């Protein structure tokens, strides 16, 4: 949306993402990214860590399920989204305000890691798949699409013929 404060945070997950569902059935994954800036101290000839930013993040719907299934504590991630601020009252009656990141995009950092990406296909929300539920899929709401790699076929490459889509 216009006027939103959009930021990108790169850091490590402090714990496995926590997946939950709202009363209306929407999936939500909450996680925290720890981002620590490093600077080189020329006088000492060494790297120094700055103050760590712990950014609480929330992601919704199918992306939430993908995050919960794919990411684990300690993984380095790149998170992009909109800063939001909300206030609430504690059980002791104190008013608290927090700033959180409503995630639009998230993925693993490939700076020091490799990832195997698997595309998933959404199913109709009103009819969960029995086979996906039985196999431990995310409540049967989605399953992996058949894999077809147009670049993996003989004669097809990024420099040769165009992929068939």
N, C-alpha and C. Protein backbone atom coordinates (compact mmCIF):
# COMPACT_ATOMS: atom_id res chain seq x y z
N UNK A 1 0.83 -1.19 0.00
CA UNK A 1 0.00 0.00 0.00
C UNK A 1 0.86 1.24 0.00
N UNK A 2 0.35 2.29 -0.58
CA UNK A 2 1.08 3.55 -0.60
C UNK A 2 1.19 4.11 0.81
N UNK A 3 2.35 4.60 1.14
CA UNK A 3 2.56 5.19 2.45
C UNK A 3 3.03 4.22 3.52
N UNK A 4 3.04 2.90 3.23
CA UNK A 4 3.52 1.93 4.20
C UNK A 4 5.04 2.03 4.33
N UNK A 5 5.54 1.75 5.51
CA UNK A 5 6.98 1.70 5.73
C UNK A 5 7.45 0.30 5.42
N UNK A 6 8.14 0.13 4.31
CA UNK A 6 8.61 -1.18 3.87
C UNK A 6 10.09 -1.31 4.17
N UNK A 7 10.48 -2.45 4.77
CA UNK A 7 11.89 -2.68 5.07
C UNK A 7 12.27 -4.11 4.70
N UNK A 8 13.55 -4.32 4.59
CA UNK A 8 14.12 -5.65 4.39
C UNK A 8 15.07 -5.92 5.53
N UNK A 9 14.92 -7.08 6.17
CA UNK A 9 15.78 -7.48 7.28
C UNK A 9 16.45 -8.79 6.90
N UNK A 10 17.76 -8.86 7.11
CA UNK A 10 18.51 -10.09 6.88
C UNK A 10 19.09 -10.50 8.22
N UNK A 11 18.83 -11.74 8.60
CA UNK A 11 19.33 -12.21 9.88
C UNK A 11 19.01 -13.68 10.09
N UNK A 12 19.17 -14.14 11.32
CA UNK A 12 18.95 -15.55 11.66
C UNK A 12 17.69 -15.72 12.48
N UNK A 13 16.99 -16.84 12.26
CA UNK A 13 15.80 -17.15 13.05
C UNK A 13 16.23 -17.53 14.46
N UNK A 14 15.57 -16.97 15.45
CA UNK A 14 15.91 -17.27 16.85
C UNK A 14 15.24 -18.55 17.34
N UNK A 15 14.21 -19.02 16.64
CA UNK A 15 13.49 -20.24 17.00
C UNK A 15 12.74 -20.71 15.75
N UNK A 16 12.22 -21.94 15.80
CA UNK A 16 11.38 -22.41 14.70
C UNK A 16 10.14 -21.52 14.62
N UNK A 17 9.65 -21.25 13.39
CA UNK A 17 8.41 -20.48 13.27
C UNK A 17 7.25 -21.19 13.97
N UNK A 18 6.38 -20.41 14.61
CA UNK A 18 5.21 -20.94 15.32
C UNK A 18 3.99 -20.77 14.42
N UNK A 19 3.39 -21.90 14.01
CA UNK A 19 2.23 -21.87 13.13
C UNK A 19 0.96 -22.01 13.96
N UNK A 20 -0.04 -21.16 13.69
CA UNK A 20 -1.34 -21.25 14.36
C UNK A 20 -2.39 -20.84 13.34
N UNK A 21 -3.66 -21.07 13.72
CA UNK A 21 -4.77 -20.71 12.84
C UNK A 21 -5.71 -19.78 13.58
N UNK A 22 -6.27 -18.80 12.87
CA UNK A 22 -7.25 -17.91 13.46
C UNK A 22 -8.59 -18.64 13.54
N UNK A 23 -9.57 -18.04 14.20
CA UNK A 23 -10.90 -18.65 14.29
C UNK A 23 -11.54 -18.81 12.92
N UNK A 24 -11.19 -17.94 11.98
CA UNK A 24 -11.75 -18.04 10.64
C UNK A 24 -10.99 -19.05 9.77
N UNK A 25 -9.93 -19.65 10.30
CA UNK A 25 -9.21 -20.69 9.57
C UNK A 25 -7.98 -20.22 8.82
N UNK A 26 -7.58 -18.96 8.96
CA UNK A 26 -6.40 -18.44 8.28
C UNK A 26 -5.14 -18.84 9.05
N UNK A 27 -4.14 -19.34 8.34
CA UNK A 27 -2.87 -19.72 8.96
C UNK A 27 -2.02 -18.47 9.21
N UNK A 28 -1.33 -18.46 10.36
CA UNK A 28 -0.42 -17.37 10.71
C UNK A 28 0.85 -18.00 11.28
N UNK A 29 2.00 -17.59 10.78
CA UNK A 29 3.28 -18.04 11.33
C UNK A 29 3.97 -16.83 11.93
N UNK A 30 4.41 -16.98 13.17
CA UNK A 30 5.16 -15.93 13.87
C UNK A 30 6.58 -16.41 14.08
N UNK A 31 7.54 -15.50 13.89
CA UNK A 31 8.94 -15.83 14.12
C UNK A 31 9.71 -14.55 14.38
N UNK A 32 10.92 -14.71 14.92
CA UNK A 32 11.78 -13.56 15.21
C UNK A 32 13.08 -13.70 14.44
N UNK A 33 13.50 -12.61 13.82
CA UNK A 33 14.77 -12.55 13.09
C UNK A 33 15.74 -11.70 13.90
N UNK A 34 16.91 -12.24 14.17
CA UNK A 34 17.97 -11.50 14.86
C UNK A 34 18.97 -11.01 13.81
N UNK A 35 19.14 -9.71 13.74
CA UNK A 35 20.05 -9.12 12.76
C UNK A 35 21.11 -8.31 13.49
N UNK A 36 22.36 -8.71 13.33
CA UNK A 36 23.47 -8.06 14.02
C UNK A 36 24.42 -7.43 13.00
N UNK A 37 24.55 -6.10 13.01
CA UNK A 37 25.49 -5.46 12.08
C UNK A 37 26.93 -5.72 12.51
N UNK A 38 27.82 -5.87 11.53
CA UNK A 38 29.24 -6.06 11.82
C UNK A 38 30.03 -4.96 11.12
N UNK A 39 30.99 -4.42 11.82
CA UNK A 39 31.86 -3.40 11.24
C UNK A 39 33.31 -3.79 11.49
N UNK A 40 34.16 -3.36 10.59
CA UNK A 40 35.58 -3.67 10.71
C UNK A 40 36.27 -2.52 11.43
N UNK A 41 36.92 -2.83 12.54
CA UNK A 41 37.68 -1.86 13.32
C UNK A 41 39.12 -1.89 12.80
N UNK A 42 39.50 -0.85 12.04
CA UNK A 42 40.84 -0.83 11.42
C UNK A 42 41.95 -0.71 12.47
N UNK A 43 41.67 0.00 13.55
CA UNK A 43 42.69 0.16 14.58
C UNK A 43 43.01 -1.17 15.25
N UNK A 44 41.98 -1.97 15.54
CA UNK A 44 42.18 -3.25 16.21
C UNK A 44 42.44 -4.37 15.20
N UNK A 45 42.10 -4.12 13.92
CA UNK A 45 42.31 -5.12 12.89
C UNK A 45 41.37 -6.32 13.02
N UNK A 46 40.13 -6.06 13.49
CA UNK A 46 39.18 -7.16 13.65
C UNK A 46 37.74 -6.68 13.44
N UNK A 47 36.85 -7.63 13.22
CA UNK A 47 35.43 -7.35 13.07
C UNK A 47 34.79 -7.22 14.44
N UNK A 48 33.85 -6.29 14.57
CA UNK A 48 33.12 -6.09 15.82
C UNK A 48 31.62 -6.15 15.54
N UNK A 49 30.91 -6.84 16.44
CA UNK A 49 29.46 -6.92 16.32
C UNK A 49 28.82 -5.69 16.95
N UNK A 50 27.76 -5.18 16.29
CA UNK A 50 26.99 -4.07 16.83
C UNK A 50 25.84 -4.61 17.67
N UNK A 51 24.90 -3.75 17.99
CA UNK A 51 23.73 -4.14 18.77
C UNK A 51 22.78 -4.96 17.89
N UNK A 52 22.28 -6.06 18.42
CA UNK A 52 21.39 -6.94 17.68
C UNK A 52 19.97 -6.39 17.68
N UNK A 53 19.35 -6.40 16.49
CA UNK A 53 17.94 -6.05 16.34
C UNK A 53 17.16 -7.35 16.32
N UNK A 54 16.19 -7.50 17.22
CA UNK A 54 15.31 -8.66 17.23
C UNK A 54 13.97 -8.19 16.66
N UNK A 55 13.67 -8.59 15.42
CA UNK A 55 12.45 -8.14 14.75
C UNK A 55 11.42 -9.27 14.76
N UNK A 56 10.30 -9.02 15.43
CA UNK A 56 9.20 -9.98 15.47
C UNK A 56 8.45 -9.88 14.14
N UNK A 57 8.18 -11.04 13.52
CA UNK A 57 7.57 -11.09 12.19
C UNK A 57 6.32 -11.97 12.19
N UNK A 58 5.34 -11.60 11.36
CA UNK A 58 4.14 -12.40 11.15
C UNK A 58 3.90 -12.53 9.66
N UNK A 59 3.54 -13.74 9.25
CA UNK A 59 3.22 -13.99 7.84
C UNK A 59 1.93 -14.80 7.81
N UNK A 60 1.10 -14.59 6.80
CA UNK A 60 -0.25 -15.13 6.78
C UNK A 60 -0.48 -16.12 5.63
N UNK A 61 -1.52 -16.91 5.80
CA UNK A 61 -2.12 -17.82 4.84
C UNK A 61 -1.13 -18.87 4.32
N UNK A 62 -1.14 -19.13 3.03
CA UNK A 62 -0.31 -20.21 2.49
C UNK A 62 1.17 -19.96 2.72
N UNK A 63 1.58 -18.70 2.67
CA UNK A 63 2.98 -18.38 2.92
C UNK A 63 3.36 -18.78 4.34
N UNK A 64 2.44 -18.63 5.29
CA UNK A 64 2.70 -19.02 6.67
C UNK A 64 2.97 -20.52 6.75
N UNK A 65 2.18 -21.32 6.05
CA UNK A 65 2.38 -22.76 6.05
C UNK A 65 3.71 -23.13 5.41
N UNK A 66 4.06 -22.44 4.31
CA UNK A 66 5.35 -22.69 3.65
C UNK A 66 6.52 -22.35 4.57
N UNK A 67 6.41 -21.23 5.29
CA UNK A 67 7.46 -20.82 6.23
C UNK A 67 7.63 -21.87 7.33
N UNK A 68 6.50 -22.30 7.91
CA UNK A 68 6.55 -23.26 9.01
C UNK A 68 7.15 -24.60 8.57
N UNK A 69 6.92 -24.99 7.33
CA UNK A 69 7.44 -26.26 6.83
C UNK A 69 8.89 -26.16 6.35
N UNK A 70 9.34 -24.96 6.00
CA UNK A 70 10.64 -24.81 5.34
C UNK A 70 11.75 -24.27 6.22
N UNK A 71 11.43 -23.39 7.17
CA UNK A 71 12.47 -22.68 7.91
C UNK A 71 12.62 -23.22 9.33
N UNK A 72 13.84 -23.20 9.83
CA UNK A 72 14.15 -23.70 11.17
C UNK A 72 15.06 -22.72 11.90
N UNK A 73 15.11 -22.89 13.22
CA UNK A 73 15.95 -22.07 14.08
C UNK A 73 17.38 -22.03 13.54
N UNK A 74 17.96 -20.83 13.56
CA UNK A 74 19.35 -20.65 13.14
C UNK A 74 19.53 -20.36 11.66
N UNK A 75 18.52 -20.62 10.82
CA UNK A 75 18.66 -20.37 9.38
C UNK A 75 18.76 -18.86 9.13
N UNK A 76 19.61 -18.52 8.18
CA UNK A 76 19.74 -17.13 7.76
C UNK A 76 18.66 -16.87 6.72
N UNK A 77 17.87 -15.80 6.93
CA UNK A 77 16.74 -15.50 6.06
C UNK A 77 16.77 -14.05 5.61
N UNK A 78 16.06 -13.79 4.53
CA UNK A 78 15.83 -12.44 4.03
C UNK A 78 14.32 -12.22 4.12
N UNK A 79 13.91 -11.20 4.86
CA UNK A 79 12.50 -10.94 5.10
C UNK A 79 12.18 -9.52 4.64
N UNK A 80 11.12 -9.37 3.86
CA UNK A 80 10.69 -8.05 3.38
C UNK A 80 9.24 -7.87 3.75
N UNK A 81 8.90 -6.70 4.25
CA UNK A 81 7.51 -6.46 4.62
C UNK A 81 7.28 -5.04 5.11
N UNK A 82 6.13 -4.88 5.78
CA UNK A 82 5.68 -3.57 6.24
C UNK A 82 5.71 -3.49 7.75
N UNK A 83 6.29 -2.42 8.27
CA UNK A 83 6.30 -2.21 9.71
C UNK A 83 4.91 -1.82 10.18
N UNK A 84 4.48 -2.45 11.26
CA UNK A 84 3.20 -2.09 11.86
C UNK A 84 3.41 -1.89 13.36
N UNK A 85 2.58 -1.07 13.94
CA UNK A 85 2.65 -0.80 15.38
C UNK A 85 1.29 -1.12 15.97
N UNK A 86 1.29 -1.83 17.10
CA UNK A 86 0.03 -2.12 17.77
C UNK A 86 0.24 -1.99 19.28
N UNK A 87 -0.85 -1.68 19.95
CA UNK A 87 -0.82 -1.54 21.41
C UNK A 87 -1.76 -2.56 22.03
N UNK A 88 -1.44 -2.97 23.24
CA UNK A 88 -2.27 -3.91 23.96
C UNK A 88 -2.08 -3.68 25.46
N UNK A 89 -3.01 -4.24 26.25
CA UNK A 89 -2.93 -4.15 27.70
C UNK A 89 -2.49 -5.50 28.26
N UNK A 90 -1.54 -5.48 29.19
CA UNK A 90 -1.09 -6.72 29.83
C UNK A 90 -2.12 -7.14 30.88
N UNK A 91 -1.94 -8.32 31.43
CA UNK A 91 -2.85 -8.80 32.48
C UNK A 91 -2.76 -7.93 33.73
N UNK A 92 -1.64 -7.24 33.89
CA UNK A 92 -1.48 -6.34 35.04
C UNK A 92 -2.04 -4.94 34.76
N UNK A 93 -2.63 -4.75 33.58
CA UNK A 93 -3.24 -3.47 33.23
C UNK A 93 -2.28 -2.46 32.64
N UNK A 94 -1.05 -2.86 32.31
CA UNK A 94 -0.08 -1.94 31.71
C UNK A 94 -0.30 -1.88 30.20
N UNK A 95 -0.17 -0.68 29.65
CA UNK A 95 -0.32 -0.47 28.21
C UNK A 95 1.04 -0.69 27.55
N UNK A 96 1.10 -1.56 26.55
CA UNK A 96 2.34 -1.85 25.83
C UNK A 96 2.15 -1.56 24.34
N UNK A 97 3.22 -1.13 23.69
CA UNK A 97 3.22 -0.90 22.25
C UNK A 97 4.38 -1.67 21.65
N UNK A 98 4.10 -2.39 20.56
CA UNK A 98 5.13 -3.15 19.89
C UNK A 98 5.15 -2.80 18.40
N UNK A 99 6.33 -2.92 17.81
CA UNK A 99 6.50 -2.74 16.37
C UNK A 99 6.83 -4.11 15.80
N UNK A 100 6.08 -4.52 14.79
CA UNK A 100 6.26 -5.84 14.17
C UNK A 100 6.37 -5.67 12.66
N UNK A 101 6.86 -6.73 12.03
CA UNK A 101 6.98 -6.75 10.58
C UNK A 101 5.92 -7.69 10.01
N UNK A 102 4.99 -7.14 9.22
CA UNK A 102 4.02 -7.96 8.50
C UNK A 102 4.69 -8.36 7.20
N UNK A 103 5.05 -9.63 7.10
CA UNK A 103 5.91 -10.14 6.04
C UNK A 103 5.15 -10.28 4.72
N UNK A 104 5.74 -9.75 3.66
CA UNK A 104 5.23 -9.95 2.31
C UNK A 104 6.03 -11.04 1.59
N UNK A 105 7.34 -11.05 1.79
CA UNK A 105 8.22 -12.02 1.15
C UNK A 105 9.25 -12.52 2.16
N UNK A 106 9.58 -13.80 2.07
CA UNK A 106 10.60 -14.38 2.96
C UNK A 106 11.27 -15.53 2.23
N UNK A 107 12.55 -15.70 2.48
CA UNK A 107 13.27 -16.81 1.89
C UNK A 107 14.60 -17.00 2.57
N UNK A 108 15.21 -18.16 2.32
CA UNK A 108 16.53 -18.40 2.91
C UNK A 108 17.59 -17.57 2.21
N UNK A 109 18.58 -17.15 2.97
CA UNK A 109 19.74 -16.48 2.37
C UNK A 109 20.64 -17.56 1.80
N UNK A 110 21.09 -17.38 0.58
CA UNK A 110 21.95 -18.37 -0.07
C UNK A 110 23.41 -17.95 -0.05
N UNK A 111 23.75 -17.02 0.81
CA UNK A 111 25.13 -16.55 0.93
C UNK A 111 26.05 -17.68 1.38
N UNK A 112 25.62 -18.46 2.37
CA UNK A 112 26.43 -19.56 2.89
C UNK A 112 25.63 -20.85 2.98
N UNK A 113 24.61 -20.99 2.12
CA UNK A 113 23.77 -22.19 2.16
C UNK A 113 23.23 -22.47 0.76
N UNK A 114 22.68 -23.65 0.60
CA UNK A 114 22.00 -24.03 -0.64
C UNK A 114 20.59 -24.42 -0.29
N UNK A 115 19.67 -24.21 -1.22
CA UNK A 115 18.27 -24.56 -0.97
C UNK A 115 17.71 -25.29 -2.17
N UNK A 116 16.81 -26.21 -1.93
CA UNK A 116 16.08 -26.91 -2.98
C UNK A 116 14.64 -26.40 -2.91
N UNK A 117 14.19 -25.69 -3.92
CA UNK A 117 12.87 -25.08 -3.92
C UNK A 117 11.87 -26.05 -4.53
N UNK A 118 10.74 -26.21 -3.85
CA UNK A 118 9.66 -27.05 -4.34
C UNK A 118 8.41 -26.20 -4.47
N UNK A 119 7.87 -26.12 -5.67
CA UNK A 119 6.68 -25.33 -5.90
C UNK A 119 5.46 -26.09 -5.39
N UNK A 120 4.55 -25.37 -4.73
CA UNK A 120 3.31 -25.99 -4.23
C UNK A 120 2.13 -25.36 -4.95
N UNK A 121 1.06 -26.13 -5.05
CA UNK A 121 -0.14 -25.66 -5.73
C UNK A 121 -1.28 -25.63 -4.71
N UNK A 122 -1.96 -24.51 -4.62
CA UNK A 122 -3.07 -24.38 -3.67
C UNK A 122 -4.26 -25.19 -4.15
N UNK A 123 -5.00 -25.74 -3.17
CA UNK A 123 -6.23 -26.44 -3.48
C UNK A 123 -7.39 -25.62 -2.98
N UNK A 124 -8.60 -26.00 -3.38
CA UNK A 124 -9.79 -25.30 -2.91
C UNK A 124 -9.87 -25.40 -1.40
N UNK A 125 -10.07 -24.28 -0.73
CA UNK A 125 -10.09 -24.25 0.73
C UNK A 125 -11.29 -25.00 1.30
N UNK A 126 -12.33 -25.20 0.52
CA UNK A 126 -13.53 -25.85 1.05
C UNK A 126 -13.45 -27.37 1.03
N UNK A 127 -12.50 -27.94 0.29
CA UNK A 127 -12.43 -29.39 0.19
C UNK A 127 -11.02 -29.88 0.39
N UNK A 128 -10.61 -30.13 1.64
CA UNK A 128 -9.25 -30.62 1.87
C UNK A 128 -9.06 -31.98 1.23
N UNK A 129 -7.87 -32.20 0.77
CA UNK A 129 -7.53 -33.47 0.13
C UNK A 129 -7.32 -34.54 1.19
N UNK A 130 -7.98 -35.67 1.02
CA UNK A 130 -7.82 -36.77 1.97
C UNK A 130 -6.41 -37.31 1.94
N UNK A 131 -5.82 -37.37 0.74
CA UNK A 131 -4.46 -37.93 0.65
C UNK A 131 -3.45 -36.99 1.29
N UNK A 132 -3.64 -35.68 1.14
CA UNK A 132 -2.71 -34.73 1.76
C UNK A 132 -2.85 -34.77 3.27
N UNK A 133 -4.08 -34.92 3.78
CA UNK A 133 -4.27 -35.00 5.23
C UNK A 133 -3.65 -36.26 5.78
N UNK A 134 -3.82 -37.35 5.09
CA UNK A 134 -3.28 -38.62 5.58
C UNK A 134 -1.76 -38.64 5.54
N UNK A 135 -1.18 -37.88 4.62
CA UNK A 135 0.28 -37.90 4.52
C UNK A 135 0.94 -36.83 5.38
N UNK A 136 0.14 -36.14 6.19
CA UNK A 136 0.72 -35.15 7.09
C UNK A 136 0.87 -33.79 6.47
N UNK A 137 0.18 -33.54 5.35
CA UNK A 137 0.21 -32.22 4.73
C UNK A 137 -0.39 -31.20 5.67
N UNK A 138 -0.23 -29.94 5.38
CA UNK A 138 -0.71 -28.88 6.26
C UNK A 138 -2.23 -28.89 6.29
N UNK A 139 -2.79 -29.71 7.14
CA UNK A 139 -4.23 -29.87 7.32
C UNK A 139 -4.92 -30.24 6.02
N UNK A 140 -4.18 -30.74 5.04
CA UNK A 140 -4.77 -31.16 3.79
C UNK A 140 -5.15 -30.03 2.87
N UNK A 141 -4.70 -28.82 3.16
CA UNK A 141 -5.13 -27.68 2.36
C UNK A 141 -4.32 -27.49 1.10
N UNK A 142 -3.19 -28.16 0.99
CA UNK A 142 -2.40 -28.02 -0.23
C UNK A 142 -1.53 -29.25 -0.40
N UNK A 143 -1.06 -29.45 -1.59
CA UNK A 143 -0.15 -30.54 -1.85
C UNK A 143 0.84 -30.09 -2.91
N UNK A 144 1.93 -30.83 -3.02
CA UNK A 144 2.94 -30.46 -3.99
C UNK A 144 2.44 -30.73 -5.40
N UNK A 145 2.75 -29.80 -6.29
CA UNK A 145 2.38 -29.97 -7.69
C UNK A 145 3.35 -30.94 -8.35
N UNK A 146 2.91 -31.60 -9.40
CA UNK A 146 3.84 -32.46 -10.12
C UNK A 146 5.02 -31.65 -10.62
N UNK A 147 6.20 -32.22 -10.51
CA UNK A 147 7.40 -31.51 -10.91
C UNK A 147 7.65 -31.65 -12.40
N UNK A 148 7.85 -30.52 -13.06
CA UNK A 148 8.19 -30.50 -14.47
C UNK A 148 9.23 -29.41 -14.65
N UNK A 149 10.43 -29.78 -15.02
CA UNK A 149 11.51 -28.83 -15.17
C UNK A 149 11.81 -28.64 -16.64
N UNK A 150 11.34 -27.53 -17.27
CA UNK A 150 11.56 -27.34 -18.70
C UNK A 150 13.03 -27.20 -19.06
N UNK A 151 13.89 -26.79 -18.11
CA UNK A 151 15.31 -26.64 -18.39
C UNK A 151 16.03 -27.97 -18.23
N UNK A 152 15.38 -28.94 -17.60
CA UNK A 152 16.01 -30.23 -17.37
C UNK A 152 15.86 -31.19 -18.54
N UNK A 153 15.07 -30.80 -19.55
CA UNK A 153 14.86 -31.67 -20.69
C UNK A 153 16.03 -31.55 -21.66
N UNK A 154 16.35 -32.65 -22.37
CA UNK A 154 17.43 -32.58 -23.36
C UNK A 154 17.15 -31.49 -24.38
N UNK A 155 18.17 -30.73 -24.68
CA UNK A 155 18.04 -29.68 -25.69
C UNK A 155 17.51 -28.37 -25.14
N UNK A 156 16.99 -28.35 -23.94
CA UNK A 156 16.46 -27.13 -23.36
C UNK A 156 17.47 -26.53 -22.39
N UNK A 157 17.74 -25.25 -22.51
CA UNK A 157 18.62 -24.57 -21.57
C UNK A 157 18.25 -23.10 -21.54
N UNK A 158 18.86 -22.39 -20.62
CA UNK A 158 18.58 -20.97 -20.50
C UNK A 158 19.07 -20.21 -21.73
N UNK A 159 19.99 -20.83 -22.50
CA UNK A 159 20.53 -20.16 -23.66
C UNK A 159 19.94 -20.69 -24.96
N UNK A 160 19.19 -21.78 -24.88
CA UNK A 160 18.63 -22.41 -26.08
C UNK A 160 17.18 -22.08 -26.25
N UNK A 161 16.39 -23.11 -26.47
CA UNK A 161 14.97 -22.94 -26.73
C UNK A 161 14.25 -22.38 -25.50
N UNK A 162 13.14 -21.71 -25.75
CA UNK A 162 12.34 -21.13 -24.68
C UNK A 162 11.58 -22.23 -23.94
N UNK A 163 11.34 -22.06 -22.65
CA UNK A 163 10.56 -23.04 -21.91
C UNK A 163 9.10 -23.01 -22.36
N UNK A 164 8.38 -24.12 -22.18
CA UNK A 164 7.01 -24.21 -22.70
C UNK A 164 5.96 -23.58 -21.79
N UNK A 165 6.19 -22.34 -21.32
CA UNK A 165 5.16 -21.64 -20.56
C UNK A 165 5.19 -20.17 -20.82
